Amino acid sequence: MKRLLTMLTLAVVLPVQAEDAAARKVLDCMSANVPNKMRAQSIELEATDAAGTTRTMRGKLYAKRETGGDNAGLMRAMLRINSPDYLAGASYLVRENRDSPEDAMYVYLPSVRRARRVSGGFADGSFLGTNLSYNDLRQMFNSFTGSIVTLEKADKIGERPVHVLHARAAATDVTYTQSRFWVDQKTCVPLRADFYVGKKLRKQLSAEPAALKRSGDFWYFSEAELRDLSDKSRTVVRMAEVSVTPADVADRYFNPTSFHYGN
């Protein structure tokens, strides 16, 4: 879910290798649009499988960027599900690592009643029945870490001019080997992303320009859709009541030992 929530939380985190100054300028603009703290009071995930069956989950999203010490600039994001009732309390945490291309992921499921680190084959499993794997979540929180980024020819989405970034994974043991991002030139928010396994386009993430919203000085979008081109499933994410200066985003939400405790 990481790449989707990158777009939703505006999280563009370094280090990444930008092969030219123009690509670095776009990345810096995206990074400047990341608030130190953010809360989406309402987040909805509507998952539709290949047969057309739809299920909807609702919850809250919290994110913050470390502002001091050795971890300055690193992102943390936590998603907590409130409904349906049988999933209430399910929580997911991503913590960026400075010295590793792999972020630390943790999940808490009410049926198991304990938090566990997500790794190995479990990371490729479905997140709560959506077409998002845990690796998708991790990569959507932080799309560029461990990638080599170049700037391609400018394009348009609708009438809005966009930068086009190509990100190539520096590591070989990753789910997506390359991706492209169409970044709105005015707001520095990605409006589209394509994710490849080898040369095969596997998933597409998109948002309409009309979904762009503003909270304070920061831009985000209120709705995005992720389509899996292999099994024809899709997940729509909607956010509302977004605050980028929340006083109630506690550090415990981003601690692996306490993120899953109640509000």
C-alpha atoms as a PDB file:
ATOM      1  CA  MET A   1       0.000   0.000   0.000  1.00  0.00           C
ATOM      2  CA  LYS A   2       3.025   2.146   0.305  1.00  0.00           C
ATOM      3  CA  ARG A   3       2.930   3.754  -3.120  1.00  0.00           C
ATOM      4  CA  LEU A   4      -0.752   4.608  -2.852  1.00  0.00           C
ATOM      5  CA  LEU A   5      -0.267   6.194   0.535  1.00  0.00           C
ATOM      6  CA  THR A   6       2.756   8.018  -0.804  1.00  0.00           C
ATOM      7  CA  MET A   7       0.364   9.837  -3.034  1.00  0.00           C
ATOM      8  CA  LEU A   8      -2.179  10.257  -0.270  1.00  0.00           C
ATOM      9  CA  THR A   9       0.240  11.368   2.448  1.00  0.00           C
ATOM     10  CA  LEU A  10       2.460  13.247  -0.041  1.00  0.00           C
ATOM     11  CA  ALA A  11       5.385  11.272   1.297  1.00  0.00           C
ATOM     12  CA  VAL A  12       8.463  11.508  -0.889  1.00  0.00           C
ATOM     13  CA  VAL A  13      11.405  10.475   1.206  1.00  0.00           C
ATOM     14  CA  LEU A  14      15.102  10.546   0.530  1.00  0.00           C
ATOM     15  CA  PRO A  15      17.731   9.170   0.075  1.00  0.00           C
ATOM     16  CA  VAL A  16      17.280   8.443  -3.596  1.00  0.00           C
ATOM     17  CA  GLN A  17      19.710   8.749  -6.449  1.00  0.00           C
ATOM     18  CA  ALA A  18      18.628  11.429  -8.946  1.00  0.00           C
ATOM     19  CA  GLU A  19      20.674  11.144 -12.114  1.00  0.00           C
ATOM     20  CA  ASP A  20      20.220  14.798 -13.112  1.00  0.00           C
ATOM     21  CA  ALA A  21      19.564  18.159 -11.492  1.00  0.00           C
ATOM     22  CA  ALA A  22      16.116  18.448 -13.100  1.00  0.00           C
ATOM     23  CA  ALA A  23      14.920  15.214 -11.474  1.00  0.00           C
ATOM     24  CA  ARG A  24      16.307  16.368  -8.130  1.00  0.00           C
ATOM     25  CA  LYS A  25      14.408  19.642  -8.428  1.00  0.00           C
ATOM     26  CA  VAL A  26      11.090  17.805  -8.874  1.00  0.00           C
ATOM     27  CA  LEU A  27      11.849  15.463  -5.962  1.00  0.00           C
ATOM     28  CA  ASP A  28      12.742  18.432  -3.762  1.00  0.00           C
ATOM     29  CA  CYS A  29       9.432  20.115  -4.630  1.00  0.00           C
ATOM     30  CA  MET A  30       7.551  16.923  -3.742  1.00  0.00           C
ATOM     31  CA  SER A  31       9.464  16.608  -0.490  1.00  0.00           C
ATOM     32  CA  ALA A  32       8.682  20.226   0.421  1.00  0.00           C
ATOM     33  CA  ASN A  33       4.990  19.353   0.151  1.00  0.00           C
ATOM     34  CA  VAL A  34       5.262  16.790   2.952  1.00  0.00           C
ATOM     35  CA  PRO A  35       4.020  18.132   6.311  1.00  0.00           C
ATOM     36  CA  ASN A  36       5.709  17.145   9.546  1.00  0.00           C
ATOM     37  CA  LYS A  37       2.441  15.644  10.793  1.00  0.00           C
ATOM     38  CA  MET A  38      -0.802  14.628   9.134  1.00  0.00           C
ATOM     39  CA  ARG A  39      -4.083  13.010  10.115  1.00  0.00           C
ATOM     40  CA  ALA A  40      -6.897  11.843   7.883  1.00  0.00           C
ATOM     41  CA  GLN A  41      -9.878  11.634  10.212  1.00  0.00           C
ATOM     42  CA  SER A  42     -11.632   9.469   7.641  1.00  0.00           C
ATOM     43  CA  ILE A  43     -10.055   7.069   5.143  1.00  0.00           C
ATOM     44  CA  GLU A  44     -12.066   4.558   3.122  1.00  0.00           C
ATOM     45  CA  LEU A  45     -10.777   1.585   1.134  1.00  0.00           C
ATOM     46  CA  GLU A  46     -13.277   0.147  -1.346  1.00  0.00           C
ATOM     47  CA  ALA A  47     -11.953  -3.127  -2.784  1.00  0.00           C
ATOM     48  CA  THR A  48     -13.546  -4.803  -5.808  1.00  0.00           C
ATOM     49  CA  ASP A  49     -12.377  -8.246  -6.912  1.00  0.00           C
ATOM     50  CA  ALA A  50     -12.382  -9.749 -10.414  1.00  0.00           C
ATOM     51  CA  ALA A  51     -15.912 -11.104  -9.927  1.00  0.00           C
ATOM     52  CA  GLY A  52     -17.256  -7.653  -9.076  1.00  0.00           C
ATOM     53  CA  THR A  53     -17.693  -8.261  -5.346  1.00  0.00           C
ATOM     54  CA  THR A  54     -16.994  -5.111  -3.333  1.00  0.00           C
ATOM     55  CA  ARG A  55     -16.042  -4.716   0.315  1.00  0.00           C
ATOM     56  CA  THR A  56     -15.427  -1.439   2.130  1.00  0.00           C
ATOM     57  CA  MET A  57     -13.185  -0.658   5.083  1.00  0.00           C
ATOM     58  CA  ARG A  58     -13.005   2.632   6.965  1.00  0.00           C
ATOM     59  CA  GLY A  59     -10.500   3.998   9.415  1.00  0.00           C
ATOM     60  CA  LYS A  60      -7.954   6.715  10.153  1.00  0.00           C
ATOM     61  CA  LEU A  61      -4.519   7.477   8.749  1.00  0.00           C
ATOM     62  CA  TYR A  62      -1.689   9.104  10.687  1.00  0.00           C
ATOM     63  CA  ALA A  63       1.712  10.148   9.333  1.00  0.00           C
ATOM     64  CA  LYS A  64       4.687  12.117  10.527  1.00  0.00           C
ATOM     65  CA  ARG A  65       8.170  13.075   9.433  1.00  0.00           C
ATOM     66  CA  GLU A  66      10.938  12.944  12.030  1.00  0.00           C
ATOM     67  CA  THR A  67      12.299  16.439  12.619  1.00  0.00           C
ATOM     68  CA  GLY A  68      15.450  15.927  14.677  1.00  0.00           C
ATOM     69  CA  GLY A  69      18.350  13.662  15.548  1.00  0.00           C
ATOM     70  CA  ASP A  70      19.700  10.795  13.460  1.00  0.00           C
ATOM     71  CA  ASN A  71      16.240  10.034  12.074  1.00  0.00           C
ATOM     72  CA  ALA A  72      15.507  13.563  10.783  1.00  0.00           C
ATOM     73  CA  GLY A  73      13.437  13.453   7.614  1.00  0.00           C
ATOM     74  CA  LEU A  74      12.348   9.817   7.920  1.00  0.00           C
ATOM     75  CA  MET A  75       8.657   9.041   7.414  1.00  0.00           C
ATOM     76  CA  ARG A  76       6.349   6.996   9.605  1.00  0.00           C
ATOM     77  CA  ALA A  77       2.742   6.191   8.677  1.00  0.00           C
ATOM     78  CA  MET A  78       0.039   4.216  10.468  1.00  0.00           C
ATOM     79  CA  LEU A  79      -3.362   3.066   9.220  1.00  0.00           C
ATOM     80  CA  ARG A  80      -6.036   1.917  11.690  1.00  0.00           C
ATOM     81  CA  ILE A  81      -9.268   0.230  10.561  1.00  0.00           C
ATOM     82  CA  ASN A  82     -12.505   1.056  12.431  1.00  0.00           C
ATOM     83  CA  SER A  83     -15.086  -0.830  10.343  1.00  0.00           C
ATOM     84  CA  PRO A  84     -16.454  -3.336   9.502  1.00  0.00           C
ATOM     85  CA  ASP A  85     -16.751  -4.553  13.070  1.00  0.00           C
ATOM     86  CA  TYR A  86     -14.846  -7.808  12.537  1.00  0.00           C
ATOM     87  CA  LEU A  87     -11.764  -5.827  11.438  1.00  0.00           C
ATOM     88  CA  ALA A  88     -12.082  -2.998  13.955  1.00  0.00           C
ATOM     89  CA  GLY A  89      -8.682  -2.341  15.496  1.00  0.00           C
ATOM     90  CA  ALA A  90      -6.623  -3.826  12.662  1.00  0.00           C
ATOM     91  CA  SER A  91      -3.579  -1.579  12.292  1.00  0.00           C
ATOM     92  CA  TYR A  92      -0.640  -1.258   9.932  1.00  0.00           C
ATOM     93  CA  LEU A  93       2.619   0.642  10.499  1.00  0.00           C
ATOM     94  CA  VAL A  94       5.439   1.537   8.106  1.00  0.00           C
ATOM     95  CA  ARG A  95       8.724   3.020   9.306  1.00  0.00           C
ATOM     96  CA  GLU A  96      11.334   4.192   6.820  1.00  0.00           C
ATOM     97  CA  ASN A  97      14.914   3.017   7.395  1.00  0.00           C
ATOM     98  CA  ARG A  98      17.775   5.337   6.551  1.00  0.00           C
ATOM     99  CA  ASP A  99      20.352   2.617   5.881  1.00  0.00           C
ATOM    100  CA  SER A 100      18.146   0.138   4.044  1.00  0.00           C
ATOM    101  CA  PRO A 101      15.978   0.176   0.909  1.00  0.00           C
ATOM    102  CA  GLU A 102      13.450  -1.898   2.832  1.00  0.00           C
ATOM    103  CA  ASP A 103      11.154  -0.156   5.287  1.00  0.00           C
ATOM    104  CA  ALA A 104      10.060  -1.880   8.470  1.00  0.00           C
ATOM    105  CA  MET A 105       6.416  -3.014   8.354  1.00  0.00           C
ATOM    106  CA  TYR A 106       4.216  -4.121  11.245  1.00  0.00           C
ATOM    107  CA  VAL A 107       0.623  -5.345  11.363  1.00  0.00           C
ATOM    108  CA  TYR A 108      -1.847  -5.965  14.167  1.00  0.00           C
ATOM    109  CA  LEU A 109      -4.906  -8.157  13.520  1.00  0.00           C
ATOM    110  CA  PRO A 110      -7.632  -8.398  16.205  1.00  0.00           C
ATOM    111  CA  SER A 111      -8.118 -12.106  15.494  1.00  0.00           C
ATOM    112  CA  VAL A 112      -4.462 -12.785  16.376  1.00  0.00           C
ATOM    113  CA  ARG A 113      -4.295 -10.241  19.204  1.00  0.00           C
ATOM    114  CA  ARG A 114      -0.655  -9.427  18.726  1.00  0.00           C
ATOM    115  CA  ALA A 115       1.509  -7.203  16.550  1.00  0.00           C
ATOM    116  CA  ARG A 116       3.971  -8.848  14.220  1.00  0.00           C
ATOM    117  CA  ARG A 117       6.615  -7.670  11.809  1.00  0.00           C
ATOM    118  CA  VAL A 118       5.734  -8.265   8.170  1.00  0.00           C
ATOM    119  CA  SER A 119       8.462 -10.075   6.256  1.00  0.00           C
ATOM    120  CA  GLY A 120       9.159 -12.926   3.853  1.00  0.00           C
ATOM    121  CA  GLY A 121       6.313 -14.483   1.900  1.00  0.00           C
ATOM    122  CA  PHE A 122       3.721 -12.948   4.240  1.00  0.00           C
ATOM    123  CA  ALA A 123       4.624  -9.521   2.806  1.00  0.00           C
ATOM    124  CA  ASP A 124       3.227 -10.520  -0.597  1.00  0.00           C
ATOM    125  CA  GLY A 125      -0.130 -11.590   0.873  1.00  0.00           C
ATOM    126  CA  SER A 126      -3.359  -9.621   0.563  1.00  0.00           C
ATOM    127  CA  PHE A 127      -3.900  -6.738   2.970  1.00  0.00           C
ATOM    128  CA  LEU A 128      -7.308  -7.351   4.581  1.00  0.00           C
ATOM    129  CA  GLY A 129      -8.771  -8.807   1.394  1.00  0.00           C
ATOM    130  CA  THR A 130      -7.897  -5.884  -0.903  1.00  0.00           C
ATOM    131  CA  ASN A 131      -5.805  -6.108  -4.082  1.00  0.00           C
ATOM    132  CA  LEU A 132      -3.034  -4.465  -2.058  1.00  0.00           C
ATOM    133  CA  SER A 133      -0.280  -6.661  -0.678  1.00  0.00           C
ATOM    134  CA  TYR A 134       1.696  -5.639   2.395  1.00  0.00           C
ATOM    135  CA  ASN A 135       4.583  -4.891   0.038  1.00  0.00           C
ATOM    136  CA  ASP A 136       2.261  -2.632  -1.952  1.00  0.00           C
ATOM    137  CA  LEU A 137       1.434  -0.771   1.225  1.00  0.00           C
ATOM    138  CA  ARG A 138       5.097  -0.404   2.111  1.00  0.00           C
ATOM    139  CA  GLN A 139       6.010   0.844  -1.344  1.00  0.00           C
ATOM    140  CA  MET A 140       3.079   3.243  -1.455  1.00  0.00           C
ATOM    141  CA  PHE A 141       4.192   4.907   1.745  1.00  0.00           C
ATOM    142  CA  ASN A 142       7.589   5.562   0.261  1.00  0.00           C
ATOM    143  CA  SER A 143       7.964   5.205  -3.465  1.00  0.00           C
ATOM    144  CA  PHE A 144      11.474   6.390  -4.125  1.00  0.00           C
ATOM    145  CA  THR A 145      13.729   5.015  -1.422  1.00  0.00           C
ATOM    146  CA  GLY A 146      16.348   2.757  -2.961  1.00  0.00           C
ATOM    147  CA  SER A 147      15.558   3.938  -6.504  1.00  0.00           C
ATOM    148  CA  ILE A 148      17.483   5.734  -9.222  1.00  0.00           C
ATOM    149  CA  VAL A 149      15.267   8.520 -10.566  1.00  0.00           C
ATOM    150  CA  THR A 150      15.407  10.336 -13.905  1.00  0.00           C
ATOM    151  CA  LEU A 151      13.208  13.044 -15.430  1.00  0.00           C
ATOM    152  CA  GLU A 152      11.502  12.239 -18.728  1.00  0.00           C
ATOM    153  CA  LYS A 153       9.645  14.423 -21.245  1.00  0.00           C
ATOM    154  CA  ALA A 154       6.866  16.563 -19.744  1.00  0.00           C
ATOM    155  CA  ASP A 155       3.257  15.507 -20.336  1.00  0.00           C
ATOM    156  CA  LYS A 156      -0.316  16.538 -19.483  1.00  0.00           C
ATOM    157  CA  ILE A 157      -3.127  14.939 -17.498  1.00  0.00           C
ATOM    158  CA  GLY A 158      -6.271  16.655 -18.683  1.00  0.00           C
ATOM    159  CA  GLU A 159      -5.225  20.279 -18.984  1.00  0.00           C
ATOM    160  CA  ARG A 160      -2.650  20.108 -16.198  1.00  0.00           C
ATOM    161  CA  PRO A 161       1.065  20.014 -17.121  1.00  0.00           C
ATOM    162  CA  VAL A 162       2.929  17.223 -15.327  1.00  0.00           C
ATOM    163  CA  HIS A 163       6.533  16.155 -14.810  1.00  0.00           C
ATOM    164  CA  VAL A 164       7.233  12.506 -15.603  1.00  0.00           C
ATOM    165  CA  LEU A 165       9.681  10.694 -13.314  1.00  0.00           C
ATOM    166  CA  HIS A 166      11.108   7.251 -14.005  1.00  0.00           C
ATOM    167  CA  ALA A 167      12.253   5.312 -10.926  1.00  0.00           C
ATOM    168  CA  ARG A 168      14.426   2.242 -11.372  1.00  0.00           C
ATOM    169  CA  ALA A 169      14.979   0.000  -8.362  1.00  0.00           C
ATOM    170  CA  ALA A 170      18.636  -0.233  -7.382  1.00  0.00           C
ATOM    171  CA  ALA A 171      18.062  -3.578  -5.635  1.00  0.00           C
ATOM    172  CA  THR A 172      17.048  -6.832  -7.337  1.00  0.00           C
ATOM    173  CA  ASP A 173      14.913  -8.360  -4.562  1.00  0.00           C
ATOM    174  CA  VAL A 174      11.966  -5.974  -4.932  1.00  0.00           C
ATOM    175  CA  THR A 175       8.377  -6.456  -6.099  1.00  0.00           C
ATOM    176  CA  TYR A 176       8.410  -3.666  -8.664  1.00  0.00           C
ATOM    177  CA  THR A 177      11.567  -3.191 -10.710  1.00  0.00           C
ATOM    178  CA  GLN A 178      10.582   0.167 -12.179  1.00  0.00           C
ATOM    179  CA  SER A 179       7.830   2.756 -12.023  1.00  0.00           C
ATOM    180  CA  ARG A 180       6.748   6.049 -13.577  1.00  0.00           C
ATOM    181  CA  PHE A 181       5.097   8.990 -11.853  1.00  0.00           C
ATOM    182  CA  TRP A 182       3.149  11.835 -13.459  1.00  0.00           C
ATOM    183  CA  VAL A 183       3.653  14.756 -11.022  1.00  0.00           C
ATOM    184  CA  ASP A 184       1.424  17.822 -11.199  1.00  0.00           C
ATOM    185  CA  GLN A 185       3.698  20.801 -11.898  1.00  0.00           C
ATOM    186  CA  LYS A 186       1.619  23.244  -9.841  1.00  0.00           C
ATOM    187  CA  THR A 187       1.191  21.254  -6.622  1.00  0.00           C
ATOM    188  CA  CYS A 188       4.018  18.657  -6.898  1.00  0.00           C
ATOM    189  CA  VAL A 189       1.495  15.894  -6.130  1.00  0.00           C
ATOM    190  CA  PRO A 190       1.609  12.666  -8.244  1.00  0.00           C
ATOM    191  CA  LEU A 191      -1.592  12.196 -10.261  1.00  0.00           C
ATOM    192  CA  ARG A 192      -0.647   8.872 -11.822  1.00  0.00           C
ATOM    193  CA  ALA A 193       1.821   6.047 -11.266  1.00  0.00           C
ATOM    194  CA  ASP A 194       2.603   2.899 -13.267  1.00  0.00           C
ATOM    195  CA  PHE A 195       4.355  -0.057 -11.602  1.00  0.00           C
ATOM    196  CA  TYR A 196       6.256  -2.696 -13.558  1.00  0.00           C
ATOM    197  CA  VAL A 197       7.480  -6.194 -12.863  1.00  0.00           C
ATOM    198  CA  GLY A 198      10.327  -6.448 -15.334  1.00  0.00           C
ATOM    199  CA  LYS A 199       8.910  -4.888 -18.500  1.00  0.00           C
ATOM    200  CA  LYS A 200       5.320  -5.857 -17.723  1.00  0.00           C
ATOM    201  CA  LEU A 201       2.946  -3.175 -16.461  1.00  0.00           C
ATOM    202  CA  ARG A 202       1.362  -4.741 -13.377  1.00  0.00           C
ATOM    203  CA  LYS A 203      -0.500  -2.024 -11.477  1.00  0.00           C
ATOM    204  CA  GLN A 204      -1.713   1.499 -12.178  1.00  0.00           C
ATOM    205  CA  LEU A 205      -2.518   4.180  -9.642  1.00  0.00           C
ATOM    206  CA  SER A 206      -4.413   7.311 -10.630  1.00  0.00           C
ATOM    207  CA  ALA A 207      -6.234  10.356  -9.320  1.00  0.00           C
ATOM    208  CA  GLU A 208      -8.306  12.971 -11.121  1.00  0.00           C
ATOM    209  CA  PRO A 209      -7.026  16.566 -10.956  1.00  0.00           C
ATOM    210  CA  ALA A 210     -10.400  17.503  -9.458  1.00  0.00           C
ATOM    211  CA  ALA A 211      -9.499  15.348  -6.437  1.00  0.00           C
ATOM    212  CA  LEU A 212      -6.618  17.662  -5.490  1.00  0.00           C
ATOM    213  CA  LYS A 213      -7.303  19.323  -2.140  1.00  0.00           C
ATOM    214  CA  ARG A 214      -5.394  21.693   0.110  1.00  0.00           C
ATOM    215  CA  SER A 215      -4.835  21.729   3.855  1.00  0.00           C
ATOM    216  CA  GLY A 216      -2.881  24.765   4.993  1.00  0.00           C
ATOM    217  CA  ASP A 217       0.105  25.118   2.663  1.00  0.00           C
ATOM    218  CA  PHE A 218       0.097  21.451   1.653  1.00  0.00           C
ATOM    219  CA  TRP A 219      -1.648  19.650  -1.201  1.00  0.00           C
ATOM    220  CA  TYR A 220      -3.033  16.122  -1.245  1.00  0.00           C
ATOM    221  CA  PHE A 221      -5.768  14.337  -3.128  1.00  0.00           C
ATOM    222  CA  SER A 222      -8.970  13.022  -1.676  1.00  0.00           C
ATOM    223  CA  GLU A 223      -9.481   9.982  -3.913  1.00  0.00           C
ATOM    224  CA  ALA A 224      -7.259   7.559  -5.823  1.00  0.00           C
ATOM    225  CA  GLU A 225      -7.720   4.218  -7.553  1.00  0.00           C
ATOM    226  CA  LEU A 226      -5.286   1.311  -7.794  1.00  0.00           C
ATOM    227  CA  ARG A 227      -5.942  -1.216 -10.574  1.00  0.00           C
ATOM    228  CA  ASP A 228      -4.284  -4.611 -10.806  1.00  0.00           C
ATOM    229  CA  LEU A 229      -4.001  -5.360 -14.513  1.00  0.00           C
ATOM    230  CA  SER A 230      -3.331  -9.060 -13.999  1.00  0.00           C
ATOM    231  CA  ASP A 231      -6.482 -10.022 -12.100  1.00  0.00           C
ATOM    232  CA  LYS A 232      -8.680  -6.991 -12.967  1.00  0.00           C
ATOM    233  CA  SER A 233      -9.251  -6.093  -9.316  1.00  0.00           C
ATOM    234  CA  ARG A 234      -9.208  -2.541  -8.027  1.00  0.00           C
ATOM    235  CA  THR A 235      -9.092  -0.596  -4.778  1.00  0.00           C
ATOM    236  CA  VAL A 236     -10.379   2.969  -4.401  1.00  0.00           C
ATOM    237  CA  VAL A 237      -9.058   5.023  -1.484  1.00  0.00           C
ATOM    238  CA  ARG A 238     -10.915   8.124  -0.287  1.00  0.00           C
ATOM    239  CA  MET A 239      -9.757  10.580   2.383  1.00  0.00           C
ATOM    240  CA  ALA A 240     -11.627  13.347   4.193  1.00  0.00           C
ATOM    241  CA  GLU A 241     -11.065  15.759   7.076  1.00  0.00           C
ATOM    242  CA  VAL A 242      -7.313  15.950   6.521  1.00  0.00           C
ATOM    243  CA  SER A 243      -5.314  18.067   8.963  1.00  0.00           C
ATOM    244  CA  VAL A 244      -1.606  18.821   8.590  1.00  0.00           C
ATOM    245  CA  THR A 245      -1.277  20.480  12.001  1.00  0.00           C
ATOM    246  CA  PRO A 246      -2.957  17.946  14.286  1.00  0.00           C
ATOM    247  CA  ALA A 247      -2.137  18.138  17.986  1.00  0.00           C
ATOM    248  CA  ASP A 248      -3.333  14.580  18.617  1.00  0.00           C
ATOM    249  CA  VAL A 249      -0.832  12.656  16.463  1.00  0.00           C
ATOM    250  CA  ALA A 250       1.026  10.963  19.298  1.00  0.00           C
ATOM    251  CA  ASP A 251       4.447   9.347  18.936  1.00  0.00           C
ATOM    252  CA  ARG A 252       3.011   6.034  20.178  1.00  0.00           C
ATOM    253  CA  TYR A 253       1.128   5.682  16.884  1.00  0.00           C
ATOM    254  CA  PHE A 254       4.477   5.088  15.179  1.00  0.00           C
ATOM    255  CA  ASN A 255       6.110   2.852  17.789  1.00  0.00           C
ATOM    256  CA  PRO A 256       6.174  -0.881  16.854  1.00  0.00           C
ATOM    257  CA  THR A 257       5.266  -1.810  20.433  1.00  0.00           C
ATOM    258  CA  SER A 258       2.282   0.546  20.829  1.00  0.00           C
ATOM    259  CA  PHE A 259       0.933   1.589  17.392  1.00  0.00           C
ATOM    260  CA  HIS A 260      -2.016  -0.798  17.648  1.00  0.00           C
ATOM    261  CA  TYR A 261      -3.371   0.490  20.955  1.00  0.00           C
ATOM    262  CA  GLY A 262      -6.684   2.372  20.837  1.00  0.00           C
ATOM    263  CA  ASN A 263      -7.247   6.068  20.288  1.00  0.00           C
END
